[in-house]
Amino acid sequence: MSRQKRTYRVLEKAEFRTAGLKAIDPTMDFGNGRNLESMTQLIELPISVNLSKKSA
């Protein structure tokens, strides 16, 4: 029996929210240097760190 893939509910919610915001305005700016692109990078960071740990 194979092991189930671990899911992170918080990351899933954040990905859905950014997808919805991108549908409204892909260049959305929240002020103070925060925008949709930086938000997307912050969400993807834990995923890429986790993948790099598995490949090592």
C-alpha atoms as a PDB file:
ATOM      1  CA  MET A   1       0.000   0.000   0.000  1.00  0.00           C
ATOM      2  CA  SER A   2       1.461   3.366  -1.012  1.00  0.00           C
ATOM      3  CA  ARG A   3       1.697   6.290   1.312  1.00  0.00           C
ATOM      4  CA  GLN A   4      -0.682   9.214   0.747  1.00  0.00           C
ATOM      5  CA  LYS A   5       0.727  12.514  -0.452  1.00  0.00           C
ATOM      6  CA  ARG A   6       0.787  15.123   2.287  1.00  0.00           C
ATOM      7  CA  THR A   7      -1.441  18.113   1.635  1.00  0.00           C
ATOM      8  CA  TYR A   8      -1.232  21.534   3.199  1.00  0.00           C
ATOM      9  CA  ARG A   9      -4.692  23.095   3.507  1.00  0.00           C
ATOM     10  CA  VAL A  10      -3.332  26.590   4.151  1.00  0.00           C
ATOM     11  CA  LEU A  11      -1.258  26.510   0.965  1.00  0.00           C
ATOM     12  CA  GLU A  12      -4.194  25.163  -1.014  1.00  0.00           C
ATOM     13  CA  LYS A  13      -6.412  28.013   0.222  1.00  0.00           C
ATOM     14  CA  ALA A  14      -3.746  30.573  -0.590  1.00  0.00           C
ATOM     15  CA  GLU A  15      -3.361  29.179  -4.110  1.00  0.00           C
ATOM     16  CA  PHE A  16      -7.129  29.378  -4.694  1.00  0.00           C
ATOM     17  CA  ARG A  17      -7.211  32.957  -3.406  1.00  0.00           C
ATOM     18  CA  THR A  18      -4.353  34.093  -5.624  1.00  0.00           C
ATOM     19  CA  ALA A  19      -6.004  32.432  -8.628  1.00  0.00           C
ATOM     20  CA  GLY A  20      -9.192  34.361  -7.888  1.00  0.00           C
ATOM     21  CA  LEU A  21      -7.337  37.635  -7.456  1.00  0.00           C
ATOM     22  CA  LYS A  22      -5.425  37.053 -10.706  1.00  0.00           C
ATOM     23  CA  ALA A  23      -8.746  36.599 -12.482  1.00  0.00           C
ATOM     24  CA  ILE A  24      -9.793  40.059 -11.264  1.00  0.00           C
ATOM     25  CA  ASP A  25      -6.515  41.902 -11.885  1.00  0.00           C
ATOM     26  CA  PRO A  26      -3.178  40.131 -12.539  1.00  0.00           C
ATOM     27  CA  THR A  27      -1.202  43.268 -11.621  1.00  0.00           C
ATOM     28  CA  MET A  28      -2.967  43.928  -8.316  1.00  0.00           C
ATOM     29  CA  ASP A  29      -0.982  46.041  -5.855  1.00  0.00           C
ATOM     30  CA  PHE A  30      -1.710  45.981  -2.109  1.00  0.00           C
ATOM     31  CA  GLY A  31       0.660  48.828  -1.191  1.00  0.00           C
ATOM     32  CA  ASN A  32       3.913  48.869   0.828  1.00  0.00           C
ATOM     33  CA  GLY A  33       5.696  46.840  -1.834  1.00  0.00           C
ATOM     34  CA  ARG A  34       3.177  44.013  -1.654  1.00  0.00           C
ATOM     35  CA  ASN A  35       1.603  42.820  -4.858  1.00  0.00           C
ATOM     36  CA  LEU A  36       0.094  39.697  -6.335  1.00  0.00           C
ATOM     37  CA  GLU A  37       3.402  38.545  -7.840  1.00  0.00           C
ATOM     38  CA  SER A  38       5.250  38.687  -4.497  1.00  0.00           C
ATOM     39  CA  MET A  39       2.324  36.907  -2.828  1.00  0.00           C
ATOM     40  CA  THR A  40       2.552  34.112  -5.393  1.00  0.00           C
ATOM     41  CA  GLN A  41       6.302  33.777  -4.793  1.00  0.00           C
ATOM     42  CA  LEU A  42       5.752  33.482  -1.030  1.00  0.00           C
ATOM     43  CA  ILE A  43       3.224  30.711  -1.567  1.00  0.00           C
ATOM     44  CA  GLU A  44       5.521  28.786  -3.912  1.00  0.00           C
ATOM     45  CA  LEU A  45       8.562  29.097  -1.629  1.00  0.00           C
ATOM     46  CA  PRO A  46       7.535  26.365   0.886  1.00  0.00           C
ATOM     47  CA  ILE A  47       6.681  24.030  -1.977  1.00  0.00           C
ATOM     48  CA  SER A  48      10.075  24.435  -3.661  1.00  0.00           C
ATOM     49  CA  VAL A  49      11.936  24.075  -0.339  1.00  0.00           C
ATOM     50  CA  ASN A  50      10.022  20.893   0.422  1.00  0.00           C
ATOM     51  CA  LEU A  51      10.795  19.435  -3.020  1.00  0.00           C
ATOM     52  CA  SER A  52      14.499  20.228  -2.714  1.00  0.00           C
ATOM     53  CA  LYS A  53      14.660  18.409   0.640  1.00  0.00           C
ATOM     54  CA  LYS A  54      13.116  15.287  -0.910  1.00  0.00           C
ATOM     55  CA  SER A  55      15.564  15.217  -3.811  1.00  0.00           C
ATOM     56  CA  ALA A  56      18.602  15.477  -1.493  1.00  0.00           C
END
